[in-house]
Amino acid sequence: MNVWLTIIVAGLGTYAIRLSFFVIFGRRGVPEHFARPLRFIPPAVFSAIVFPELLMPGGLLDISLGNLRLLAGILAVLVAWRTRNIVLTILVGMLALWLMQWLMW
């Protein structure tokens, strides 16, 4: 019962936080001094998810050429830089990783 109560309270809290932005800024819009830092949230979250997987596979720092995830990530960064295409970047990065893992296996 405690688990369900925790889930319900957390869900209601999350809903209330999200709803508060609509209530406060719904008619007026978000002020620029508040909106400008919000633009950095998606890249910061993405970096927090991706970089540990690229740089620390297995929990240990590995920036060697033997780190296939890092090599595939570098290739994906180059594709993203040149094409600005998210889908192509993900496809090239994943295919490169799978191919390198297959060749090294």
Protein backbone atom coordinates (compact mmCIF):
# COMPACT_ATOMS: atom_id res chain seq x y z
CA MET A 1 0.00 0.00 0.00
CA ASN A 2 2.88 2.39 0.76
CA VAL A 3 4.30 1.87 -2.72
CA TRP A 4 1.02 2.79 -4.39
CA LEU A 5 0.57 5.80 -2.13
CA THR A 6 4.09 6.97 -3.00
CA ILE A 7 3.42 6.55 -6.73
CA ILE A 8 0.13 8.45 -6.52
CA VAL A 9 1.63 11.31 -4.48
CA ALA A 10 4.63 11.55 -6.83
CA GLY A 11 2.31 11.60 -9.85
CA LEU A 12 0.11 14.29 -8.34
CA GLY A 13 3.17 16.34 -7.42
CA THR A 14 4.56 16.08 -10.94
CA TYR A 15 1.18 17.04 -12.39
CA ALA A 16 0.92 20.04 -10.04
CA ILE A 17 4.39 21.27 -10.98
CA ARG A 18 3.62 21.05 -14.70
CA LEU A 19 0.20 22.60 -14.29
CA SER A 20 1.67 25.52 -12.36
CA PHE A 21 3.55 26.68 -15.46
CA PHE A 22 0.32 26.77 -17.46
CA VAL A 23 -1.51 28.60 -14.71
CA ILE A 24 1.26 31.17 -14.12
CA PHE A 25 2.41 31.74 -17.72
CA GLY A 26 -0.62 30.58 -19.71
CA ARG A 27 -1.94 33.97 -20.75
CA ARG A 28 1.20 36.10 -20.44
CA GLY A 29 3.88 33.83 -21.86
CA VAL A 30 7.20 32.99 -20.27
CA PRO A 31 9.45 36.02 -19.61
CA GLU A 32 12.63 36.02 -21.68
CA HIS A 33 14.94 36.05 -18.64
CA PHE A 34 13.24 32.83 -17.52
CA ALA A 35 12.93 31.19 -20.97
CA ARG A 36 16.56 31.69 -21.99
CA PRO A 37 18.02 29.26 -19.41
CA LEU A 38 15.28 26.72 -20.16
CA ARG A 39 16.75 26.26 -23.64
CA PHE A 40 19.80 24.62 -22.09
CA ILE A 41 17.88 21.90 -20.26
CA PRO A 42 17.52 19.40 -23.17
CA PRO A 43 21.22 19.42 -24.11
CA ALA A 44 22.22 19.19 -20.44
CA VAL A 45 19.95 16.20 -19.83
CA PHE A 46 21.09 14.54 -23.05
CA SER A 47 24.74 15.02 -22.07
CA ALA A 48 24.11 13.62 -18.60
CA ILE A 49 22.64 10.48 -20.15
CA VAL A 50 25.03 9.95 -23.08
CA PHE A 51 28.50 10.96 -21.86
CA PRO A 52 28.77 8.47 -18.99
CA GLU A 53 27.89 5.66 -21.43
CA LEU A 54 30.47 6.85 -23.95
CA LEU A 55 33.30 7.62 -21.55
CA MET A 56 32.71 5.10 -18.77
CA PRO A 57 31.51 1.75 -20.14
CA GLY A 58 31.40 -0.65 -17.21
CA GLY A 59 31.84 2.20 -14.72
CA LEU A 60 35.53 2.87 -15.46
CA LEU A 61 36.88 5.81 -17.45
CA ASP A 62 38.03 4.56 -20.86
CA ILE A 63 39.17 7.07 -23.49
CA SER A 64 41.22 4.58 -25.50
CA LEU A 65 40.76 3.38 -29.06
CA GLY A 66 39.45 0.13 -27.58
CA ASN A 67 36.30 1.93 -26.40
CA LEU A 68 33.97 1.16 -29.28
CA ARG A 69 31.15 3.26 -27.84
CA LEU A 70 33.41 6.31 -27.78
CA LEU A 71 34.50 5.73 -31.39
CA ALA A 72 30.88 5.34 -32.53
CA GLY A 73 29.97 8.46 -30.55
CA ILE A 74 32.72 10.47 -32.23
CA LEU A 75 31.47 9.31 -35.63
CA ALA A 76 27.91 10.27 -34.65
CA VAL A 77 29.09 13.73 -33.59
CA LEU A 78 30.76 14.22 -36.98
CA VAL A 79 27.57 13.15 -38.79
CA ALA A 80 25.48 15.48 -36.61
CA TRP A 81 27.85 18.36 -37.23
CA ARG A 82 27.86 17.87 -41.01
CA THR A 83 24.22 16.95 -41.64
CA ARG A 84 22.22 18.40 -38.69
CA ASN A 85 19.97 15.33 -39.10
CA ILE A 86 19.07 13.64 -35.80
CA VAL A 87 17.73 10.42 -37.31
CA LEU A 88 20.78 9.96 -39.55
CA THR A 89 23.07 10.69 -36.60
CA ILE A 90 21.43 8.01 -34.47
CA LEU A 91 21.41 5.49 -37.32
CA VAL A 92 25.06 6.03 -38.22
CA GLY A 93 26.16 5.90 -34.57
CA MET A 94 24.25 2.70 -33.83
CA LEU A 95 25.28 1.00 -37.07
CA ALA A 96 28.90 1.94 -36.46
CA LEU A 97 28.77 0.53 -32.93
CA TRP A 98 27.08 -2.70 -34.04
CA LEU A 99 29.51 -3.15 -36.93
CA MET A 100 32.56 -2.56 -34.74
CA GLN A 101 31.23 -4.94 -32.08
CA TRP A 102 30.55 -7.56 -34.73
CA LEU A 103 34.04 -7.17 -36.23
CA MET A 104 35.71 -7.33 -32.81
CA TRP A 105 33.71 -10.36 -31.68
